[in-house]
Amino acid sequence: MSRLQELRDLVNSFEKDFIKFYDKGNKSAGTRVRKAMNELKRKAQDIRKEVQEIKAQAKAEGNTSAM
C-alpha cells in the first residue's frame, strides 16, 4: 500500500495551489498546478509499468493470482 500512500501524499501536497488557482484566480498557482499534474502523470505511469511487470512475472511463474 505504500504506492497508494505516495499518490495520496502527492495529491495532498498541491492542494493549496489548486485552491489558490481555482478559487482565487492566482495565475502563478496555476503554473504550479500544471507542474504538479505532470508529476502525478509520471508517478501514475511508473505505477502502471510496475503493475504490468508484477503481472508478467506472476504469469511466468504460473501463478494467476498476482499478489
C-alpha atoms as a PDB file:
ATOM      1  CA  MET A   1       0.000   0.000   0.000  1.00  0.00           C
ATOM      2  CA  SER A   2       2.967   2.332   0.015  1.00  0.00           C
ATOM      3  CA  ARG A   3       2.317   3.257  -3.637  1.00  0.00           C
ATOM      4  CA  LEU A   4      -1.216   4.305  -2.734  1.00  0.00           C
ATOM      5  CA  GLN A   5       0.101   6.441   0.104  1.00  0.00           C
ATOM      6  CA  GLU A   6       2.652   8.014  -2.257  1.00  0.00           C
ATOM      7  CA  LEU A   7      -0.186   9.076  -4.557  1.00  0.00           C
ATOM      8  CA  ARG A   8      -2.236  10.438  -1.661  1.00  0.00           C
ATOM      9  CA  ASP A   9       0.713  12.417  -0.341  1.00  0.00           C
ATOM     10  CA  LEU A  10       1.469  13.792  -3.787  1.00  0.00           C
ATOM     11  CA  VAL A  11      -2.109  14.941  -4.351  1.00  0.00           C
ATOM     12  CA  ASN A  12      -2.300  16.459  -0.867  1.00  0.00           C
ATOM     13  CA  SER A  13       0.952  18.326  -1.436  1.00  0.00           C
ATOM     14  CA  PHE A  14      -0.540  20.529  -4.123  1.00  0.00           C
ATOM     15  CA  GLU A  15      -3.992  21.078  -2.628  1.00  0.00           C
ATOM     16  CA  LYS A  16      -3.153  24.654  -1.629  1.00  0.00           C
ATOM     17  CA  ASP A  17      -2.176  25.566  -5.187  1.00  0.00           C
ATOM     18  CA  PHE A  18      -5.458  24.138  -6.510  1.00  0.00           C
ATOM     19  CA  ILE A  19      -7.373  26.336  -4.093  1.00  0.00           C
ATOM     20  CA  LYS A  20      -5.289  29.401  -4.931  1.00  0.00           C
ATOM     21  CA  PHE A  21      -5.804  28.915  -8.651  1.00  0.00           C
ATOM     22  CA  TYR A  22      -9.425  27.788  -8.866  1.00  0.00           C
ATOM     23  CA  ASP A  23     -10.895  29.820  -6.021  1.00  0.00           C
ATOM     24  CA  LYS A  24      -8.691  32.906  -6.002  1.00  0.00           C
ATOM     25  CA  GLY A  25      -7.532  33.097  -9.628  1.00  0.00           C
ATOM     26  CA  ASN A  26      -3.817  33.122  -8.790  1.00  0.00           C
ATOM     27  CA  LYS A  27      -2.046  32.549 -12.130  1.00  0.00           C
ATOM     28  CA  SER A  28       1.251  31.504 -10.542  1.00  0.00           C
ATOM     29  CA  ALA A  29      -0.572  28.783  -8.643  1.00  0.00           C
ATOM     30  CA  GLY A  30      -1.971  27.617 -11.989  1.00  0.00           C
ATOM     31  CA  THR A  31       1.558  27.080 -13.263  1.00  0.00           C
ATOM     32  CA  ARG A  32       2.356  25.050 -10.157  1.00  0.00           C
ATOM     33  CA  VAL A  33      -0.844  23.024 -10.626  1.00  0.00           C
ATOM     34  CA  ARG A  34       0.189  22.166 -14.185  1.00  0.00           C
ATOM     35  CA  LYS A  35       3.630  21.123 -12.967  1.00  0.00           C
ATOM     36  CA  ALA A  36       2.119  19.014 -10.191  1.00  0.00           C
ATOM     37  CA  MET A  37      -0.275  17.312 -12.602  1.00  0.00           C
ATOM     38  CA  ASN A  38       2.650  16.402 -14.842  1.00  0.00           C
ATOM     39  CA  GLU A  39       4.413  14.898 -11.827  1.00  0.00           C
ATOM     40  CA  LEU A  40       1.259  12.952 -10.975  1.00  0.00           C
ATOM     41  CA  LYS A  41       1.113  11.671 -14.546  1.00  0.00           C
ATOM     42  CA  ARG A  42       4.720  10.432 -14.346  1.00  0.00           C
ATOM     43  CA  LYS A  43       4.060   8.726 -10.996  1.00  0.00           C
ATOM     44  CA  ALA A  44       0.925   7.044 -12.365  1.00  0.00           C
ATOM     45  CA  GLN A  45       2.853   5.806 -15.392  1.00  0.00           C
ATOM     46  CA  ASP A  46       5.575   4.361 -13.153  1.00  0.00           C
ATOM     47  CA  ILE A  47       2.990   2.523 -11.083  1.00  0.00           C
ATOM     48  CA  ARG A  48       1.267   1.264 -14.216  1.00  0.00           C
ATOM     49  CA  LYS A  49       4.542  -0.179 -15.501  1.00  0.00           C
ATOM     50  CA  GLU A  50       5.259  -1.770 -12.140  1.00  0.00           C
ATOM     51  CA  VAL A  51       1.827  -3.433 -12.068  1.00  0.00           C
ATOM     52  CA  GLN A  52       2.369  -4.791 -15.561  1.00  0.00           C
ATOM     53  CA  GLU A  53       5.784  -6.197 -14.598  1.00  0.00           C
ATOM     54  CA  ILE A  54       4.355  -7.895 -11.498  1.00  0.00           C
ATOM     55  CA  LYS A  55       1.555  -9.430 -13.570  1.00  0.00           C
ATOM     56  CA  ALA A  56       4.016 -10.667 -16.191  1.00  0.00           C
ATOM     57  CA  GLN A  57       6.281 -12.141 -13.529  1.00  0.00           C
ATOM     58  CA  ALA A  58       3.369 -13.928 -11.869  1.00  0.00           C
ATOM     59  CA  LYS A  59       2.265 -15.316 -15.210  1.00  0.00           C
ATOM     60  CA  ALA A  60       5.779 -16.557 -15.958  1.00  0.00           C
ATOM     61  CA  GLU A  61       5.856 -18.320 -12.597  1.00  0.00           C
ATOM     62  CA  GLY A  62       2.481 -19.944 -13.338  1.00  0.00           C
ATOM     63  CA  ASN A  63       0.690 -18.048 -10.614  1.00  0.00           C
ATOM     64  CA  THR A  64      -2.504 -16.424 -11.937  1.00  0.00           C
ATOM     65  CA  SER A  65      -3.363 -14.621  -8.709  1.00  0.00           C
ATOM     66  CA  ALA A  66      -0.658 -11.938  -8.598  1.00  0.00           C
ATOM     67  CA  MET A  67      -0.248 -10.592  -5.081  1.00  0.00           C
END
